[in-house]
Amino acid sequence: MIAGLILALLAGSLVGIQNVFNSKVNEGVGIWTTTVIVLAMGFFASFSIGLAVEGRQLFDWSNMKTWYWFSGIIGVGVVLSVVQGVKRLGPTFAISIVMASQIGIALLFDSLGLLGLDKVPFTGKQAIGVLVIVGGIIIFKTGDRRRDNRNTVRSRRAA
């Protein structure tokens, strides 16, 4: 379990860093070039590492269902959406919403047993957990507005 927690923390950290990098790349070259760069570099890195680690087994796709191929297409939507969200909302607010959305969708897929997942009963504790996260995001964002409003008032008084 400790290894899983460490890997999840690492994944979250890397996603946060990647999103900041992606938004900076997008400022210089545009959204479609950013998406191509991100996904192409990811392909080459994972292909090289996969080949080194798994060898020929990397190409054994006999147990792969056809609809699994759509994951790559979903990746395009992920990169596009996150880069644009970060651009419009800022990294912290955008990633907070992304995280809450991920938890909500994961909870939905688990609860309904979608895509072959084991069905996990939906509980009140899970609902409260999601509501606390969403409430935290709302508090976080409304706290920014209050601070921004105070700074605006102070600026006007100083002028």
N, C-alpha and C. Protein backbone atom coordinates (compact mmCIF):
# COMPACT_ATOMS: atom_id res chain seq x y z
N MET A 1 0.83 -1.19 0.00
CA MET A 1 0.00 0.00 0.00
C MET A 1 0.88 1.26 0.00
N ILE A 2 1.98 1.24 0.73
CA ILE A 2 2.87 2.40 0.78
C ILE A 2 3.38 2.73 -0.62
N ALA A 3 3.76 1.70 -1.37
CA ALA A 3 4.26 1.93 -2.73
C ALA A 3 3.18 2.59 -3.59
N GLY A 4 1.94 2.14 -3.44
CA GLY A 4 0.83 2.74 -4.18
C GLY A 4 0.63 4.20 -3.82
N LEU A 5 0.72 4.52 -2.53
CA LEU A 5 0.58 5.91 -2.10
C LEU A 5 1.70 6.78 -2.65
N ILE A 6 2.91 6.27 -2.60
CA ILE A 6 4.06 7.02 -3.12
C ILE A 6 3.90 7.25 -4.62
N LEU A 7 3.50 6.21 -5.35
CA LEU A 7 3.31 6.36 -6.79
C LEU A 7 2.18 7.33 -7.12
N ALA A 8 1.10 7.29 -6.35
CA ALA A 8 -0.01 8.23 -6.58
C ALA A 8 0.44 9.67 -6.31
N LEU A 9 1.20 9.88 -5.24
CA LEU A 9 1.74 11.21 -4.96
C LEU A 9 2.69 11.67 -6.06
N LEU A 10 3.51 10.77 -6.54
CA LEU A 10 4.43 11.09 -7.63
C LEU A 10 3.65 11.45 -8.89
N ALA A 11 2.62 10.65 -9.20
CA ALA A 11 1.80 10.93 -10.39
C ALA A 11 1.14 12.30 -10.30
N GLY A 12 0.57 12.61 -9.15
CA GLY A 12 -0.06 13.92 -8.98
C GLY A 12 0.94 15.06 -9.14
N SER A 13 2.12 14.87 -8.58
CA SER A 13 3.16 15.89 -8.70
C SER A 13 3.58 16.07 -10.15
N LEU A 14 3.79 14.95 -10.84
CA LEU A 14 4.21 15.03 -12.24
C LEU A 14 3.13 15.65 -13.12
N VAL A 15 1.88 15.33 -12.87
CA VAL A 15 0.79 15.92 -13.65
C VAL A 15 0.74 17.43 -13.41
N GLY A 16 0.89 17.85 -12.15
CA GLY A 16 0.90 19.28 -11.86
C GLY A 16 2.03 20.00 -12.57
N ILE A 17 3.22 19.42 -12.53
CA ILE A 17 4.37 20.02 -13.21
C ILE A 17 4.16 20.02 -14.71
N GLN A 18 3.68 18.91 -15.25
CA GLN A 18 3.47 18.82 -16.70
C GLN A 18 2.48 19.87 -17.18
N ASN A 19 1.45 20.11 -16.41
CA ASN A 19 0.44 21.08 -16.83
C ASN A 19 1.00 22.50 -16.86
N VAL A 20 1.87 22.84 -15.93
CA VAL A 20 2.50 24.15 -15.96
C VAL A 20 3.42 24.24 -17.19
N PHE A 21 4.21 23.18 -17.43
CA PHE A 21 5.08 23.16 -18.62
C PHE A 21 4.24 23.31 -19.88
N ASN A 22 3.16 22.53 -19.97
CA ASN A 22 2.32 22.56 -21.17
C ASN A 22 1.73 23.95 -21.41
N SER A 23 1.32 24.62 -20.34
CA SER A 23 0.74 25.96 -20.53
C SER A 23 1.81 26.94 -21.02
N LYS A 24 3.05 26.76 -20.56
CA LYS A 24 4.13 27.64 -21.03
C LYS A 24 4.47 27.35 -22.49
N VAL A 25 4.47 26.08 -22.88
CA VAL A 25 4.71 25.72 -24.29
C VAL A 25 3.60 26.33 -25.14
N ASN A 26 2.37 26.25 -24.67
CA ASN A 26 1.22 26.78 -25.40
C ASN A 26 1.34 28.28 -25.63
N GLU A 27 1.92 29.01 -24.69
CA GLU A 27 2.10 30.45 -24.87
C GLU A 27 3.01 30.74 -26.07
N GLY A 28 3.95 29.83 -26.35
CA GLY A 28 4.90 30.07 -27.42
C GLY A 28 4.50 29.52 -28.77
N VAL A 29 3.76 28.41 -28.79
CA VAL A 29 3.52 27.76 -30.08
C VAL A 29 2.06 27.48 -30.40
N GLY A 30 1.15 27.60 -29.48
CA GLY A 30 -0.26 27.33 -29.75
C GLY A 30 -0.68 25.95 -29.27
N ILE A 31 -1.99 25.78 -29.18
CA ILE A 31 -2.56 24.59 -28.55
C ILE A 31 -2.30 23.31 -29.33
N TRP A 32 -2.45 23.34 -30.65
CA TRP A 32 -2.29 22.09 -31.41
C TRP A 32 -0.84 21.65 -31.47
N THR A 33 0.08 22.60 -31.59
CA THR A 33 1.49 22.25 -31.57
C THR A 33 1.87 21.71 -30.19
N THR A 34 1.34 22.34 -29.14
CA THR A 34 1.59 21.85 -27.78
C THR A 34 1.12 20.42 -27.64
N THR A 35 -0.08 20.13 -28.10
CA THR A 35 -0.64 18.79 -27.99
C THR A 35 0.21 17.78 -28.74
N VAL A 36 0.63 18.13 -29.94
CA VAL A 36 1.48 17.23 -30.73
C VAL A 36 2.80 16.99 -30.01
N ILE A 37 3.42 18.05 -29.52
CA ILE A 37 4.71 17.91 -28.83
C ILE A 37 4.56 17.02 -27.60
N VAL A 38 3.56 17.30 -26.77
CA VAL A 38 3.36 16.55 -25.53
C VAL A 38 3.12 15.07 -25.82
N LEU A 39 2.20 14.79 -26.72
CA LEU A 39 1.86 13.39 -26.98
C LEU A 39 2.96 12.66 -27.76
N ALA A 40 3.62 13.36 -28.66
CA ALA A 40 4.72 12.71 -29.42
C ALA A 40 5.89 12.40 -28.50
N MET A 41 6.25 13.34 -27.65
CA MET A 41 7.36 13.08 -26.72
C MET A 41 6.99 11.97 -25.75
N GLY A 42 5.74 11.95 -25.32
CA GLY A 42 5.27 10.87 -24.45
C GLY A 42 5.32 9.53 -25.16
N PHE A 43 4.94 9.51 -26.43
CA PHE A 43 5.01 8.28 -27.22
C PHE A 43 6.45 7.78 -27.32
N PHE A 44 7.34 8.65 -27.72
CA PHE A 44 8.73 8.23 -27.91
C PHE A 44 9.36 7.78 -26.59
N ALA A 45 9.08 8.49 -25.51
CA ALA A 45 9.63 8.10 -24.21
C ALA A 45 9.08 6.75 -23.76
N SER A 46 7.74 6.59 -23.83
CA SER A 46 7.16 5.33 -23.37
C SER A 46 7.52 4.17 -24.30
N PHE A 47 7.63 4.45 -25.59
CA PHE A 47 8.02 3.40 -26.54
C PHE A 47 9.44 2.93 -26.25
N SER A 48 10.35 3.87 -26.05
CA SER A 48 11.74 3.52 -25.79
C SER A 48 11.89 2.76 -24.48
N ILE A 49 11.27 3.27 -23.42
CA ILE A 49 11.36 2.61 -22.12
C ILE A 49 10.65 1.25 -22.16
N GLY A 50 9.49 1.20 -22.80
CA GLY A 50 8.76 -0.06 -22.93
C GLY A 50 9.55 -1.11 -23.68
N LEU A 51 10.20 -0.70 -24.74
CA LEU A 51 11.04 -1.62 -25.52
C LEU A 51 12.22 -2.12 -24.68
N ALA A 52 12.82 -1.22 -23.93
CA ALA A 52 13.96 -1.62 -23.09
C ALA A 52 13.53 -2.55 -21.96
N VAL A 53 12.38 -2.29 -21.38
CA VAL A 53 11.93 -3.08 -20.22
C VAL A 53 11.22 -4.37 -20.64
N GLU A 54 10.33 -4.30 -21.63
CA GLU A 54 9.51 -5.45 -21.99
C GLU A 54 9.99 -6.18 -23.24
N GLY A 55 10.80 -5.55 -24.03
CA GLY A 55 11.27 -6.19 -25.26
C GLY A 55 10.11 -6.46 -26.21
N ARG A 56 10.10 -7.65 -26.79
CA ARG A 56 9.07 -7.99 -27.79
C ARG A 56 7.67 -8.09 -27.19
N GLN A 57 7.58 -8.30 -25.89
CA GLN A 57 6.26 -8.38 -25.25
C GLN A 57 5.50 -7.06 -25.36
N LEU A 58 6.21 -6.00 -25.63
CA LEU A 58 5.58 -4.70 -25.82
C LEU A 58 4.54 -4.75 -26.95
N PHE A 59 4.75 -5.65 -27.90
CA PHE A 59 3.87 -5.74 -29.07
C PHE A 59 2.83 -6.86 -28.96
N ASP A 60 2.70 -7.48 -27.78
CA ASP A 60 1.69 -8.51 -27.59
C ASP A 60 0.39 -7.85 -27.15
N TRP A 61 -0.47 -7.62 -28.11
CA TRP A 61 -1.73 -6.95 -27.85
C TRP A 61 -2.92 -7.90 -27.95
N SER A 62 -2.67 -9.19 -27.82
CA SER A 62 -3.72 -10.20 -28.01
C SER A 62 -4.86 -10.06 -27.00
N ASN A 63 -4.58 -9.57 -25.80
CA ASN A 63 -5.63 -9.43 -24.78
C ASN A 63 -6.26 -8.05 -24.76
N MET A 64 -5.90 -7.22 -25.74
CA MET A 64 -6.41 -5.86 -25.75
C MET A 64 -7.71 -5.77 -26.55
N LYS A 65 -8.73 -5.23 -25.92
CA LYS A 65 -10.01 -5.04 -26.60
C LYS A 65 -9.93 -3.82 -27.51
N THR A 66 -10.68 -3.84 -28.58
CA THR A 66 -10.63 -2.78 -29.59
C THR A 66 -10.89 -1.40 -29.00
N TRP A 67 -11.84 -1.31 -28.10
CA TRP A 67 -12.21 0.01 -27.58
C TRP A 67 -11.13 0.62 -26.69
N TYR A 68 -10.12 -0.16 -26.26
CA TYR A 68 -9.01 0.39 -25.49
C TYR A 68 -8.20 1.40 -26.31
N TRP A 69 -8.23 1.26 -27.62
CA TRP A 69 -7.46 2.15 -28.49
C TRP A 69 -7.91 3.61 -28.36
N PHE A 70 -9.13 3.84 -27.92
CA PHE A 70 -9.65 5.20 -27.81
C PHE A 70 -8.97 6.00 -26.71
N SER A 71 -8.23 5.35 -25.84
CA SER A 71 -7.53 6.04 -24.77
C SER A 71 -6.60 7.13 -25.31
N GLY A 72 -5.93 6.84 -26.40
CA GLY A 72 -5.03 7.83 -27.02
C GLY A 72 -5.78 9.05 -27.51
N ILE A 73 -6.96 8.83 -28.05
CA ILE A 73 -7.78 9.95 -28.51
C ILE A 73 -8.25 10.77 -27.32
N ILE A 74 -8.58 10.09 -26.24
CA ILE A 74 -8.98 10.80 -25.02
C ILE A 74 -7.81 11.66 -24.52
N GLY A 75 -6.59 11.16 -24.69
CA GLY A 75 -5.40 11.92 -24.29
C GLY A 75 -5.31 13.26 -24.98
N VAL A 76 -5.73 13.33 -26.24
CA VAL A 76 -5.73 14.60 -26.96
C VAL A 76 -6.68 15.57 -26.26
N GLY A 77 -7.85 15.08 -25.90
CA GLY A 77 -8.82 15.92 -25.18
C GLY A 77 -8.30 16.37 -23.83
N VAL A 78 -7.57 15.49 -23.15
CA VAL A 78 -7.00 15.84 -21.85
C VAL A 78 -6.02 16.99 -22.00
N VAL A 79 -5.07 16.84 -22.91
CA VAL A 79 -4.05 17.89 -23.08
C VAL A 79 -4.71 19.20 -23.50
N LEU A 80 -5.58 19.16 -24.48
CA LEU A 80 -6.25 20.38 -24.94
C LEU A 80 -7.02 21.05 -23.80
N SER A 81 -7.80 20.28 -23.10
CA SER A 81 -8.67 20.84 -22.06
C SER A 81 -7.87 21.40 -20.89
N VAL A 82 -6.87 20.66 -20.44
CA VAL A 82 -6.10 21.13 -19.30
C VAL A 82 -5.29 22.37 -19.65
N VAL A 83 -4.65 22.37 -20.81
CA VAL A 83 -3.86 23.54 -21.21
C VAL A 83 -4.76 24.78 -21.30
N GLN A 84 -5.91 24.64 -21.91
CA GLN A 84 -6.82 25.78 -22.03
C GLN A 84 -7.40 26.18 -20.68
N GLY A 85 -7.70 25.19 -19.83
CA GLY A 85 -8.20 25.49 -18.49
C GLY A 85 -7.18 26.26 -17.67
N VAL A 86 -5.93 25.82 -17.71
CA VAL A 86 -4.86 26.50 -16.98
C VAL A 86 -4.67 27.91 -17.52
N LYS A 87 -4.76 28.06 -18.82
CA LYS A 87 -4.60 29.38 -19.45
C LYS A 87 -5.70 30.34 -18.99
N ARG A 88 -6.91 29.84 -18.87
CA ARG A 88 -8.05 30.71 -18.54
C ARG A 88 -8.29 30.88 -17.04
N LEU A 89 -7.92 29.85 -16.24
CA LEU A 89 -8.24 29.89 -14.81
C LEU A 89 -7.02 29.98 -13.90
N GLY A 90 -5.85 29.70 -14.46
CA GLY A 90 -4.65 29.60 -13.64
C GLY A 90 -4.44 28.16 -13.20
N PRO A 91 -3.20 27.81 -12.90
CA PRO A 91 -2.88 26.40 -12.62
C PRO A 91 -3.61 25.82 -11.41
N THR A 92 -3.63 26.53 -10.29
CA THR A 92 -4.18 25.94 -9.08
C THR A 92 -5.68 25.70 -9.19
N PHE A 93 -6.41 26.69 -9.66
CA PHE A 93 -7.86 26.55 -9.77
C PHE A 93 -8.23 25.51 -10.83
N ALA A 94 -7.57 25.56 -11.97
CA ALA A 94 -7.87 24.60 -13.04
C ALA A 94 -7.58 23.17 -12.60
N ILE A 95 -6.43 22.95 -11.99
CA ILE A 95 -6.06 21.59 -11.58
C ILE A 95 -6.96 21.12 -10.44
N SER A 96 -7.41 22.02 -9.58
CA SER A 96 -8.36 21.64 -8.54
C SER A 96 -9.65 21.11 -9.15
N ILE A 97 -10.12 21.78 -10.18
CA ILE A 97 -11.34 21.34 -10.86
C ILE A 97 -11.09 20.02 -11.59
N VAL A 98 -9.94 19.90 -12.23
CA VAL A 98 -9.59 18.64 -12.91
C VAL A 98 -9.59 17.50 -11.90
N MET A 99 -8.98 17.73 -10.75
CA MET A 99 -8.89 16.70 -9.72
C MET A 99 -10.28 16.30 -9.22
N ALA A 100 -11.13 17.27 -8.95
CA ALA A 100 -12.49 16.97 -8.49
C ALA A 100 -13.26 16.20 -9.56
N SER A 101 -13.08 16.58 -10.80
CA SER A 101 -13.74 15.89 -11.90
C SER A 101 -13.25 14.45 -12.03
N GLN A 102 -11.94 14.25 -11.86
CA GLN A 102 -11.38 12.90 -11.92
C GLN A 102 -11.98 12.03 -10.82
N ILE A 103 -12.08 12.57 -9.62
CA ILE A 103 -12.64 11.81 -8.51
C ILE A 103 -14.10 11.48 -8.78
N GLY A 104 -14.85 12.46 -9.28
CA GLY A 104 -16.26 12.22 -9.59
C GLY A 104 -16.45 11.14 -10.65
N ILE A 105 -15.67 11.21 -11.72
CA ILE A 105 -15.79 10.20 -12.79
C ILE A 105 -15.32 8.84 -12.30
N ALA A 106 -14.24 8.79 -11.53
CA ALA A 106 -13.76 7.52 -10.98
C ALA A 106 -14.82 6.90 -10.08
N LEU A 107 -15.45 7.74 -9.27
CA LEU A 107 -16.51 7.26 -8.38
C LEU A 107 -17.69 6.72 -9.18
N LEU A 108 -18.06 7.41 -10.24
CA LEU A 108 -19.14 6.96 -11.10
C LEU A 108 -18.81 5.61 -11.75
N PHE A 109 -17.61 5.51 -12.33
CA PHE A 109 -17.21 4.27 -13.00
C PHE A 109 -17.11 3.12 -12.00
N ASP A 110 -16.56 3.39 -10.80
CA ASP A 110 -16.49 2.35 -9.77
C ASP A 110 -17.88 1.92 -9.34
N SER A 111 -18.74 2.88 -9.08
CA SER A 111 -20.09 2.58 -8.57
C SER A 111 -20.93 1.80 -9.57
N LEU A 112 -20.76 2.09 -10.85
CA LEU A 112 -21.54 1.40 -11.87
C LEU A 112 -20.82 0.20 -12.46
N GLY A 113 -19.55 0.02 -12.09
CA GLY A 113 -18.78 -1.10 -12.64
C GLY A 113 -18.54 -0.97 -14.13
N LEU A 114 -18.35 0.27 -14.61
CA LEU A 114 -18.18 0.50 -16.04
C LEU A 114 -16.81 0.03 -16.53
N LEU A 115 -16.71 -0.28 -17.80
CA LEU A 115 -15.48 -0.70 -18.47
C LEU A 115 -14.82 -1.90 -17.79
N GLY A 116 -15.64 -2.77 -17.22
CA GLY A 116 -15.11 -3.99 -16.63
C GLY A 116 -14.56 -3.84 -15.22
N LEU A 117 -14.74 -2.68 -14.60
CA LEU A 117 -14.27 -2.50 -13.22
C LEU A 117 -15.16 -3.28 -12.26
N ASP A 118 -14.58 -3.70 -11.14
CA ASP A 118 -15.40 -4.31 -10.10
C ASP A 118 -16.34 -3.24 -9.55
N LYS A 119 -17.60 -3.61 -9.38
CA LYS A 119 -18.59 -2.67 -8.89
C LYS A 119 -18.36 -2.41 -7.40
N VAL A 120 -18.21 -1.14 -7.05
CA VAL A 120 -17.99 -0.73 -5.66
C VAL A 120 -19.21 0.06 -5.23
N PRO A 121 -19.87 -0.36 -4.15
CA PRO A 121 -21.08 0.36 -3.73
C PRO A 121 -20.81 1.83 -3.41
N PHE A 122 -21.71 2.69 -3.84
CA PHE A 122 -21.63 4.12 -3.56
C PHE A 122 -22.14 4.34 -2.14
N THR A 123 -21.34 5.03 -1.31
CA THR A 123 -21.74 5.25 0.08
C THR A 123 -21.88 6.74 0.37
N GLY A 124 -22.50 7.01 1.48
CA GLY A 124 -22.63 8.40 1.92
C GLY A 124 -21.28 9.03 2.21
N LYS A 125 -20.34 8.22 2.72
CA LYS A 125 -18.99 8.74 2.99
C LYS A 125 -18.33 9.23 1.70
N GLN A 126 -18.54 8.49 0.62
CA GLN A 126 -17.97 8.92 -0.66
C GLN A 126 -18.61 10.23 -1.12
N ALA A 127 -19.91 10.33 -0.98
CA ALA A 127 -20.61 11.56 -1.38
C ALA A 127 -20.10 12.74 -0.55
N ILE A 128 -19.95 12.53 0.75
CA ILE A 128 -19.44 13.60 1.62
C ILE A 128 -18.02 13.98 1.20
N GLY A 129 -17.19 12.99 0.90
CA GLY A 129 -15.82 13.26 0.46
C GLY A 129 -15.77 14.14 -0.77
N VAL A 130 -16.59 13.81 -1.76
CA VAL A 130 -16.63 14.61 -3.00
C VAL A 130 -17.15 16.01 -2.71
N LEU A 131 -18.18 16.11 -1.88
CA LEU A 131 -18.72 17.43 -1.54
C LEU A 131 -17.70 18.28 -0.78
N VAL A 132 -16.91 17.66 0.09
CA VAL A 132 -15.87 18.40 0.82
C VAL A 132 -14.83 18.94 -0.16
N ILE A 133 -14.44 18.11 -1.13
CA ILE A 133 -13.45 18.55 -2.12
C ILE A 133 -14.01 19.71 -2.95
N VAL A 134 -15.24 19.57 -3.43
CA VAL A 134 -15.86 20.64 -4.22
C VAL A 134 -16.03 21.89 -3.37
N GLY A 135 -16.44 21.72 -2.10
CA GLY A 135 -16.57 22.87 -1.19
C GLY A 135 -15.23 23.55 -0.99
N GLY A 136 -14.16 22.76 -0.88
CA GLY A 136 -12.82 23.33 -0.74
C GLY A 136 -12.42 24.16 -1.93
N ILE A 137 -12.77 23.69 -3.11
CA ILE A 137 -12.46 24.44 -4.33
C ILE A 137 -13.23 25.76 -4.36
N ILE A 138 -14.49 25.71 -3.96
CA ILE A 138 -15.31 26.93 -3.93
C ILE A 138 -14.75 27.92 -2.91
N ILE A 139 -14.39 27.42 -1.73
CA ILE A 139 -13.80 28.30 -0.71
C ILE A 139 -12.49 28.89 -1.21
N PHE A 140 -11.68 28.05 -1.83
CA PHE A 140 -10.40 28.51 -2.38
C PHE A 140 -10.62 29.65 -3.36
N LYS A 141 -11.56 29.48 -4.28
CA LYS A 141 -11.77 30.49 -5.32
C LYS A 141 -12.44 31.74 -4.77
N THR A 142 -13.43 31.59 -3.90
CA THR A 142 -14.08 32.78 -3.36
C THR A 142 -13.14 33.53 -2.43
N GLY A 143 -12.21 32.86 -1.78
CA GLY A 143 -11.19 33.52 -0.97
C GLY A 143 -10.31 34.40 -1.82
N ASP A 144 -9.99 33.96 -3.04
CA ASP A 144 -9.20 34.78 -3.96
C ASP A 144 -9.95 36.04 -4.34
N ARG A 145 -11.24 35.93 -4.56
CA ARG A 145 -12.04 37.10 -4.96
C ARG A 145 -12.04 38.15 -3.85
N ARG A 146 -12.19 37.69 -2.60
CA ARG A 146 -12.20 38.63 -1.48
C ARG A 146 -10.87 39.36 -1.39
N ARG A 147 -9.76 38.61 -1.54
CA ARG A 147 -8.44 39.22 -1.50
C ARG A 147 -8.29 40.20 -2.66
N ASP A 148 -8.73 39.81 -3.86
CA ASP A 148 -8.65 40.69 -5.03
C ASP A 148 -9.47 41.95 -4.80
N ASN A 149 -10.66 41.80 -4.22
CA ASN A 149 -11.52 42.96 -3.96
C ASN A 149 -10.87 43.90 -2.96
N ARG A 150 -10.24 43.34 -1.89
CA ARG A 150 -9.56 44.18 -0.91
C ARG A 150 -8.39 44.93 -1.55
N ASN A 151 -7.65 44.27 -2.41
CA ASN A 151 -6.52 44.93 -3.09
C ASN A 151 -7.01 46.04 -4.01
N THR A 152 -8.14 45.81 -4.67
CA THR A 152 -8.71 46.83 -5.55
C THR A 152 -9.13 48.05 -4.75
N VAL A 153 -9.80 47.80 -3.60
CA VAL A 153 -10.24 48.91 -2.74
C VAL A 153 -9.03 49.69 -2.24
N ARG A 154 -7.97 48.98 -1.79
CA ARG A 154 -6.76 49.65 -1.31
C ARG A 154 -6.11 50.47 -2.42
N SER A 155 -6.10 49.93 -3.63
CA SER A 155 -5.50 50.65 -4.77
C SER A 155 -6.27 51.92 -5.06
N ARG A 156 -7.59 51.86 -4.97
CA ARG A 156 -8.40 53.04 -5.25
C ARG A 156 -8.18 54.11 -4.16
N ARG A 157 -8.06 53.65 -2.89
CA ARG A 157 -7.82 54.60 -1.80
C ARG A 157 -6.47 55.28 -1.96
N ALA A 158 -5.48 54.52 -2.40
CA ALA A 158 -4.13 55.07 -2.57
C ALA A 158 -4.07 56.07 -3.72
N ALA A 159 -4.94 55.88 -4.71
CA ALA A 159 -4.92 56.77 -5.88
C ALA A 159 -5.65 58.01 -5.56
